């Protein structure tokens, strides 16, 4: 299995890329910490999503997802599957076990051969058990915390503003070369940090299929795109089983092969050293 290697490039270019990724990670994880802090400050009866605060359209989207963000007993999601990082012709793959707990605690075990790495987010800071976080770790944490349907709904219960609702028609060729048309409901979220994030929901399925946004950093023009596919029903909840993210010159893909839904458990497993 090939490991990801850096391309030869001027030192200042490499430094700029690392700086961009550091800025993006800092802003993303700071926002996630703010979301978690806001939810923890609420009473037990108020910490879940409140329907009366939603528009009719958002209520329909929430119905399609399930009720795990509204009622106790389904706060923890556990997946097993594969993560694949691709860059400049190189490819790296790891088996992963992911534990996510409402409203944004994360633990990921990555196994490559005989080596197991554990990373996570404890509500305040991201961490890696064996040392400093690597860019690939940052990308995976960001994807699982920020580029998800859960984040879209949880963010609306904070200071993040839902500022756009429109329709979008996408025309593309299918595998046989025929043109096919799909319609999306588009929402934009603008938070205290970074540029707006646009969420595209299928107007028939009411499930999230694409997220687009410009990453933090002055003068950035490229767009990050997240594709979400293969939704599955597990214990009455609709869960993502495949997602991919293109950013800078990299692609990160997740294939989640098994999943369980259960009540909140010990939060200690989401802290470094546990």
Protein backbone atom coordinates (compact mmCIF):
# COMPACT_ATOMS: atom_id res chain seq x y z
CA UNK A 1 0.00 0.00 0.00
CA UNK A 2 1.47 3.33 -1.01
CA UNK A 3 1.78 6.08 1.54
CA UNK A 4 1.01 9.69 0.82
CA UNK A 5 4.11 11.66 -0.16
CA UNK A 6 4.63 15.38 -0.49
CA UNK A 7 5.36 16.82 -3.92
CA UNK A 8 8.60 18.71 -4.45
CA UNK A 9 7.78 22.39 -4.31
CA UNK A 10 9.34 25.65 -3.09
CA UNK A 11 9.60 25.91 0.68
CA UNK A 12 7.37 28.95 0.85
CA UNK A 13 4.59 27.17 -1.06
CA UNK A 14 4.66 24.21 1.30
CA UNK A 15 4.64 26.54 4.28
CA UNK A 16 1.66 28.41 2.84
CA UNK A 17 -0.28 25.16 2.43
CA UNK A 18 0.49 24.10 6.00
CA UNK A 19 -0.49 27.55 7.28
CA UNK A 20 -3.80 27.40 5.39
CA UNK A 21 -4.59 23.99 6.87
CA UNK A 22 -3.67 25.21 10.38
CA UNK A 23 -5.94 28.26 10.00
CA UNK A 24 -8.79 26.10 8.69
CA UNK A 25 -8.44 23.59 11.52
CA UNK A 26 -8.28 26.32 14.20
CA UNK A 27 -11.44 28.04 12.95
CA UNK A 28 -13.38 24.82 12.41
CA UNK A 29 -12.59 23.30 15.79
CA UNK A 30 -13.16 26.60 17.60
CA UNK A 31 -16.64 26.72 16.08
CA UNK A 32 -17.34 23.12 17.07
CA UNK A 33 -16.23 23.90 20.63
CA UNK A 34 -18.62 26.87 20.68
CA UNK A 35 -21.50 24.66 19.53
CA UNK A 36 -20.75 22.10 22.25
CA UNK A 37 -20.39 24.78 24.93
CA UNK A 38 -23.73 26.31 23.94
CA UNK A 39 -25.50 22.95 24.17
CA UNK A 40 -23.88 22.00 27.47
CA UNK A 41 -25.08 25.28 29.00
CA UNK A 42 -28.71 24.35 28.34
CA UNK A 43 -30.89 22.37 30.73
CA UNK A 44 -31.36 18.66 30.07
CA UNK A 45 -34.88 19.22 28.76
CA UNK A 46 -33.79 21.95 26.33
CA UNK A 47 -30.54 20.56 24.94
CA UNK A 48 -32.13 18.79 21.96
CA UNK A 49 -33.43 20.48 18.82
CA UNK A 50 -36.73 22.32 19.28
CA UNK A 51 -39.22 21.98 16.40
CA UNK A 52 -41.10 25.17 17.10
CA UNK A 53 -37.92 27.07 16.24
CA UNK A 54 -37.69 25.46 12.78
CA UNK A 55 -39.27 26.53 9.51
CA UNK A 56 -41.69 24.07 7.89
CA UNK A 57 -39.09 23.09 5.28
CA UNK A 58 -36.39 22.43 7.88
CA UNK A 59 -38.87 20.31 9.85
CA UNK A 60 -39.36 18.12 6.76
CA UNK A 61 -35.59 17.76 6.36
CA UNK A 62 -35.27 16.81 10.01
CA UNK A 63 -38.02 14.19 9.63
CA UNK A 64 -36.06 12.55 6.79
CA UNK A 65 -33.00 12.24 9.04
CA UNK A 66 -34.77 10.69 12.04
CA UNK A 67 -35.31 11.94 15.58
CA UNK A 68 -31.86 11.36 17.10
CA UNK A 69 -31.23 15.11 17.46
CA UNK A 70 -34.60 15.73 19.11
CA UNK A 71 -35.09 12.97 21.71
CA UNK A 72 -32.80 11.23 24.20
CA UNK A 73 -31.63 7.66 23.67
CA UNK A 74 -29.88 7.92 20.30
CA UNK A 75 -27.02 10.33 21.01
CA UNK A 76 -24.14 8.02 20.10
CA UNK A 77 -23.41 6.78 16.58
CA UNK A 78 -20.73 4.15 15.99
CA UNK A 79 -19.41 3.24 12.53
CA UNK A 80 -16.79 0.88 11.16
CA UNK A 81 -15.42 1.21 7.66
CA UNK A 82 -12.55 2.58 5.58
CA UNK A 83 -10.94 5.99 5.09
CA UNK A 84 -8.93 6.72 1.92
CA UNK A 85 -6.67 9.75 1.39
CA UNK A 86 -5.55 10.52 -2.18
CA UNK A 87 -3.10 13.20 -3.28
CA UNK A 88 -0.91 13.70 -6.34
CA UNK A 89 -1.21 10.09 -7.48
CA UNK A 90 -0.56 8.55 -4.04
CA UNK A 91 -3.10 6.69 -1.95
CA UNK A 92 -3.36 5.74 1.70
CA UNK A 93 -6.11 3.61 3.25
CA UNK A 94 -6.99 2.79 6.86
CA UNK A 95 -9.66 0.77 8.61
CA UNK A 96 -11.59 3.08 10.93
CA UNK A 97 -13.91 2.81 13.89
CA UNK A 98 -15.75 6.08 14.53
CA UNK A 99 -17.68 7.06 17.65
CA UNK A 100 -19.66 10.33 17.47
CA UNK A 101 -21.76 11.59 20.35
CA UNK A 102 -24.23 14.46 20.32
CA UNK A 103 -23.60 17.35 20.05
CA UNK A 104 -20.04 16.88 18.75
CA UNK A 105 -17.71 14.52 20.61
CA UNK A 106 -15.53 12.35 18.40
CA UNK A 107 -13.14 9.40 18.64
CA UNK A 108 -11.60 7.69 15.60
CA UNK A 109 -9.41 4.58 15.66
CA UNK A 110 -7.39 4.19 12.44
CA UNK A 111 -5.63 0.92 11.67
CA UNK A 112 -3.00 0.58 8.93
CA UNK A 113 -1.42 -2.83 9.05
CA UNK A 114 -0.12 -3.39 12.57
CA UNK A 115 -0.25 0.32 13.47
CA UNK A 116 -3.28 1.84 15.23
CA UNK A 117 -3.67 5.59 15.61
CA UNK A 118 -6.36 7.21 17.74
CA UNK A 119 -7.57 10.78 17.21
CA UNK A 120 -10.52 12.70 18.54
CA UNK A 121 -12.26 15.87 19.66
CA UNK A 122 -13.22 16.26 23.34
CA UNK A 123 -15.45 19.31 22.94
CA UNK A 124 -12.59 21.76 23.50
CA UNK A 125 -9.62 20.52 21.52
CA UNK A 126 -8.69 18.00 18.86
CA UNK A 127 -6.01 15.49 19.74
CA UNK A 128 -3.91 12.55 18.57
CA UNK A 129 -2.92 9.96 21.15
CA UNK A 130 0.63 9.39 19.89
CA UNK A 131 1.69 12.96 19.11
CA UNK A 132 0.80 16.14 17.20
CA UNK A 133 -2.08 16.04 14.75
CA UNK A 134 -1.13 15.41 11.12
CA UNK A 135 -2.86 17.15 8.17
CA UNK A 136 -4.68 13.90 7.33
CA UNK A 137 -5.96 13.69 10.92
CA UNK A 138 -7.21 17.28 10.77
CA UNK A 139 -9.05 16.60 7.49
CA UNK A 140 -10.77 13.51 8.94
CA UNK A 141 -11.82 15.25 12.18
CA UNK A 142 -13.12 18.24 10.24
CA UNK A 143 -15.11 16.02 7.89
CA UNK A 144 -16.78 14.04 10.68
CA UNK A 145 -17.58 17.07 12.84
CA UNK A 146 -18.33 19.78 10.32
CA UNK A 147 -19.25 18.28 6.95
CA UNK A 148 -22.32 16.39 8.11
CA UNK A 149 -26.12 16.72 8.16
CA UNK A 150 -25.99 16.69 11.97
CA UNK A 151 -23.88 19.84 11.92
CA UNK A 152 -26.40 21.59 9.68
CA UNK A 153 -29.20 21.08 12.22
CA UNK A 154 -27.15 21.60 15.38
CA UNK A 155 -25.71 24.87 14.01
CA UNK A 156 -29.18 26.37 13.72
CA UNK A 157 -29.53 26.17 17.49
CA UNK A 158 -26.50 28.46 17.95
CA UNK A 159 -25.67 31.93 16.68
CA UNK A 160 -25.13 30.61 13.16
CA UNK A 161 -27.61 32.25 10.79
CA UNK A 162 -29.70 30.38 8.21
CA UNK A 163 -29.71 33.04 5.52
CA UNK A 164 -30.71 31.46 2.20
CA UNK A 165 -33.38 29.11 0.91
CA UNK A 166 -33.69 28.51 -2.82
CA UNK A 167 -33.98 25.84 -5.50
CA UNK A 168 -31.17 24.57 -7.70
CA UNK A 169 -31.34 22.38 -10.80
CA UNK A 170 -28.33 20.23 -11.68
CA UNK A 171 -28.02 18.60 -15.11
CA UNK A 172 -25.34 15.95 -15.64
CA UNK A 173 -24.69 12.76 -17.59
CA UNK A 174 -25.39 9.37 -16.05
CA UNK A 175 -23.21 6.27 -16.53
CA UNK A 176 -24.79 5.61 -19.95
CA UNK A 177 -24.09 9.15 -21.11
CA UNK A 178 -27.72 10.28 -20.87
CA UNK A 179 -28.56 13.66 -19.40
CA UNK A 180 -30.35 13.53 -16.09
CA UNK A 181 -31.80 16.37 -14.06
CA UNK A 182 -31.97 16.65 -10.31
CA UNK A 183 -33.39 19.40 -8.14
CA UNK A 184 -32.03 20.53 -4.80
CA UNK A 185 -33.15 22.71 -1.92
CA UNK A 186 -30.25 24.99 -1.05
CA UNK A 187 -29.55 26.49 2.37
CA UNK A 188 -26.69 28.70 3.44
CA UNK A 189 -25.27 28.95 6.95
CA UNK A 190 -23.13 31.87 8.02
CA UNK A 191 -21.31 31.61 11.32
CA UNK A 192 -18.94 33.84 13.21
CA UNK A 193 -15.94 32.39 11.38
CA UNK A 194 -15.23 31.62 7.74
CA UNK A 195 -17.33 32.02 4.62
CA UNK A 196 -20.91 30.75 4.15
CA UNK A 197 -21.46 27.03 3.74
CA UNK A 198 -24.07 25.89 1.22
CA UNK A 199 -26.06 22.72 1.87
CA UNK A 200 -27.87 21.01 -1.04
CA UNK A 201 -30.77 18.70 -0.10
CA UNK A 202 -32.59 16.53 -2.64
CA UNK A 203 -36.05 18.00 -3.15
CA UNK A 204 -37.57 14.50 -3.27
CA UNK A 205 -35.43 12.55 -0.79
CA UNK A 206 -34.99 15.59 1.51
CA UNK A 207 -31.53 14.20 2.33
CA UNK A 208 -28.28 16.13 2.17
CA UNK A 209 -26.22 15.31 -0.93
CA UNK A 210 -23.66 18.13 -1.33
CA UNK A 211 -21.89 20.76 0.78
CA UNK A 212 -19.86 23.56 -0.80
CA UNK A 213 -17.82 26.32 0.82
CA UNK A 214 -14.65 28.35 0.49
CA UNK A 215 -12.06 27.40 3.15
CA UNK A 216 -10.79 30.04 5.60
CA UNK A 217 -7.81 32.14 4.56
CA UNK A 218 -7.31 35.47 2.86
CA UNK A 219 -7.49 35.39 -0.91
CA UNK A 220 -8.87 31.85 -1.13
CA UNK A 221 -10.87 31.22 -4.32
CA UNK A 222 -11.09 27.42 -4.58
CA UNK A 223 -14.15 25.65 -3.22
CA UNK A 224 -14.30 22.65 -0.93
CA UNK A 225 -16.93 20.15 -2.08
CA UNK A 226 -18.35 17.30 -0.02
CA UNK A 227 -20.43 14.61 -1.74
CA UNK A 228 -22.75 12.51 0.43
CA UNK A 229 -24.17 9.24 -0.93
CA UNK A 230 -25.68 5.88 -0.03
CA UNK A 231 -27.96 6.73 2.86
CA UNK A 232 -29.05 3.71 4.95
CA UNK A 233 -31.69 3.08 7.62
CA UNK A 234 -30.34 1.89 10.98
CA UNK A 235 -32.70 1.50 13.96
CA UNK A 236 -35.13 3.97 12.43
CA UNK A 237 -32.44 6.57 11.74
CA UNK A 238 -31.17 7.62 8.30
CA UNK A 239 -27.36 7.57 8.24
CA UNK A 240 -24.68 8.38 5.67
CA UNK A 241 -22.68 5.37 4.49
CA UNK A 242 -20.40 7.02 1.90
CA UNK A 243 -18.94 10.52 1.66
CA UNK A 244 -16.03 12.16 -0.12
CA UNK A 245 -14.40 15.55 0.22
CA UNK A 246 -12.22 17.40 -2.29
CA UNK A 247 -10.05 20.19 -0.86
CA UNK A 248 -6.78 21.84 -1.95
CA UNK A 249 -5.29 19.05 -4.13
CA UNK A 250 -6.52 16.18 -1.97
CA UNK A 251 -9.52 13.87 -1.77
CA UNK A 252 -10.67 12.16 1.41
CA UNK A 253 -13.27 9.40 1.14
CA UNK A 254 -15.14 7.53 3.86
CA UNK A 255 -16.99 4.25 3.33
CA UNK A 256 -18.93 3.31 6.46
CA UNK A 257 -19.84 -0.37 6.33
CA UNK A 258 -21.56 -1.03 9.66
CA UNK A 259 -23.29 1.30 12.10
CA UNK A 260 -25.14 1.26 15.41
CA UNK A 261 -27.26 3.87 17.16
CA UNK A 262 -27.44 4.02 20.95
CA UNK A 263 -27.74 6.21 24.04
CA UNK A 264 -25.01 8.55 25.23
CA UNK A 265 -22.17 6.81 27.06
CA UNK A 266 -19.12 7.70 29.10
CA UNK A 267 -17.56 10.87 27.66
CA UNK A 268 -14.13 9.84 28.95
CA UNK A 269 -13.45 7.83 25.78
CA UNK A 270 -13.42 11.11 23.84
CA UNK A 271 -10.50 12.49 25.87
CA UNK A 272 -6.84 11.99 25.05
CA UNK A 273 -5.23 9.17 26.97
CA UNK A 274 -8.44 7.17 27.46
